[in-house]
Amino acid sequence: MLTKEEHFGKGLALYGQNKHEAVEAIQRAIEINPQEPMYHTSLSTVYRDMGRIPEAEEEMAISFQLQRG
């Protein structure tokens, strides 16, 4: 079983190869630790690059909210 950090790292590694798999890996990291703003920021970036703007904006909003505490 991968740790949240390993899921996140896998997502970043897959980012340039297969964005759909990157989304799945980063979402798994978020499931394990939903309070980590960087995970949401990274998922937002992947969504943006996929043209999925509403999802990108939603994830960025979550990241901002978590950073504000």
C-alpha atoms as a PDB file:
ATOM      1  CA  MET A   1       0.000   0.000   0.000  1.00  0.00           C
ATOM      2  CA  LEU A   2       1.371   3.392  -0.962  1.00  0.00           C
ATOM      3  CA  THR A   3       1.607   6.308   1.462  1.00  0.00           C
ATOM      4  CA  LYS A   4      -0.003   9.647   0.706  1.00  0.00           C
ATOM      5  CA  GLU A   5       3.403  10.996  -0.304  1.00  0.00           C
ATOM      6  CA  GLU A   6       3.969   8.079  -2.669  1.00  0.00           C
ATOM      7  CA  HIS A   7       0.553   8.574  -4.281  1.00  0.00           C
ATOM      8  CA  PHE A   8       1.320  12.265  -4.689  1.00  0.00           C
ATOM      9  CA  GLY A   9       4.766  11.552  -6.143  1.00  0.00           C
ATOM     10  CA  LYS A  10       3.270   9.006  -8.523  1.00  0.00           C
ATOM     11  CA  GLY A  11       0.743  11.603  -9.631  1.00  0.00           C
ATOM     12  CA  LEU A  12       3.471  14.123 -10.343  1.00  0.00           C
ATOM     13  CA  ALA A  13       5.523  11.531 -12.207  1.00  0.00           C
ATOM     14  CA  LEU A  14       2.541  10.558 -14.349  1.00  0.00           C
ATOM     15  CA  TYR A  15       1.609  14.172 -15.028  1.00  0.00           C
ATOM     16  CA  GLY A  16       3.653  14.393 -18.220  1.00  0.00           C
ATOM     17  CA  GLN A  17       2.707  10.925 -19.425  1.00  0.00           C
ATOM     18  CA  ASN A  18      -0.912  10.218 -18.597  1.00  0.00           C
ATOM     19  CA  LYS A  19      -2.948  12.964 -17.021  1.00  0.00           C
ATOM     20  CA  HIS A  20      -5.887  10.662 -16.242  1.00  0.00           C
ATOM     21  CA  GLU A  21      -3.643   8.392 -14.170  1.00  0.00           C
ATOM     22  CA  ALA A  22      -2.102  11.468 -12.545  1.00  0.00           C
ATOM     23  CA  VAL A  23      -5.581  12.595 -11.486  1.00  0.00           C
ATOM     24  CA  GLU A  24      -6.297   9.186  -9.968  1.00  0.00           C
ATOM     25  CA  ALA A  25      -3.017   9.114  -8.027  1.00  0.00           C
ATOM     26  CA  ILE A  26      -3.408  12.657  -6.676  1.00  0.00           C
ATOM     27  CA  GLN A  27      -7.047  11.981  -5.761  1.00  0.00           C
ATOM     28  CA  ARG A  28      -5.876   8.950  -3.779  1.00  0.00           C
ATOM     29  CA  ALA A  29      -3.374  11.141  -1.898  1.00  0.00           C
ATOM     30  CA  ILE A  30      -6.243  13.547  -1.158  1.00  0.00           C
ATOM     31  CA  GLU A  31      -8.398  10.676   0.132  1.00  0.00           C
ATOM     32  CA  ILE A  32      -5.627   9.799   2.585  1.00  0.00           C
ATOM     33  CA  ASN A  33      -4.910  13.405   3.606  1.00  0.00           C
ATOM     34  CA  PRO A  34      -7.598  15.851   2.427  1.00  0.00           C
ATOM     35  CA  GLN A  35      -6.095  18.687   4.504  1.00  0.00           C
ATOM     36  CA  GLU A  36      -2.912  19.038   2.399  1.00  0.00           C
ATOM     37  CA  PRO A  37      -3.255  22.181   0.233  1.00  0.00           C
ATOM     38  CA  MET A  38      -0.442  21.171  -2.155  1.00  0.00           C
ATOM     39  CA  TYR A  39      -2.375  18.086  -3.240  1.00  0.00           C
ATOM     40  CA  HIS A  40      -5.363  20.219  -4.204  1.00  0.00           C
ATOM     41  CA  THR A  41      -3.143  22.769  -5.967  1.00  0.00           C
ATOM     42  CA  SER A  42      -1.489  20.026  -7.991  1.00  0.00           C
ATOM     43  CA  LEU A  43      -4.812  18.445  -8.905  1.00  0.00           C
ATOM     44  CA  SER A  44      -6.010  21.882  -9.977  1.00  0.00           C
ATOM     45  CA  THR A  45      -3.008  22.217 -12.288  1.00  0.00           C
ATOM     46  CA  VAL A  46      -3.624  18.831 -13.893  1.00  0.00           C
ATOM     47  CA  TYR A  47      -7.315  19.632 -14.376  1.00  0.00           C
ATOM     48  CA  ARG A  48      -6.427  23.011 -15.902  1.00  0.00           C
ATOM     49  CA  ASP A  49      -4.044  21.406 -18.371  1.00  0.00           C
ATOM     50  CA  MET A  50      -6.765  18.921 -19.305  1.00  0.00           C
ATOM     51  CA  GLY A  51      -9.150  21.791 -20.020  1.00  0.00           C
ATOM     52  CA  ARG A  52     -11.339  20.883 -17.048  1.00  0.00           C
ATOM     53  CA  ILE A  53     -11.574  24.449 -15.777  1.00  0.00           C
ATOM     54  CA  PRO A  54     -14.521  24.137 -13.347  1.00  0.00           C
ATOM     55  CA  GLU A  55     -12.797  21.263 -11.537  1.00  0.00           C
ATOM     56  CA  ALA A  56      -9.505  23.180 -11.552  1.00  0.00           C
ATOM     57  CA  GLU A  57     -11.142  26.209  -9.977  1.00  0.00           C
ATOM     58  CA  GLU A  58     -12.851  24.065  -7.346  1.00  0.00           C
ATOM     59  CA  GLU A  59      -9.603  22.386  -6.306  1.00  0.00           C
ATOM     60  CA  MET A  60      -7.773  25.724  -6.172  1.00  0.00           C
ATOM     61  CA  ALA A  61     -10.528  27.146  -3.969  1.00  0.00           C
ATOM     62  CA  ILE A  62     -10.145  24.189  -1.598  1.00  0.00           C
ATOM     63  CA  SER A  63      -6.387  24.755  -1.510  1.00  0.00           C
ATOM     64  CA  PHE A  64      -6.815  28.444  -0.665  1.00  0.00           C
ATOM     65  CA  GLN A  65      -9.330  27.635   2.056  1.00  0.00           C
ATOM     66  CA  LEU A  66      -6.974  25.093   3.636  1.00  0.00           C
ATOM     67  CA  GLN A  67      -4.082  27.559   3.537  1.00  0.00           C
ATOM     68  CA  ARG A  68      -6.124  30.150   5.389  1.00  0.00           C
ATOM     69  CA  GLY A  69      -6.783  27.617   8.115  1.00  0.00           C
END
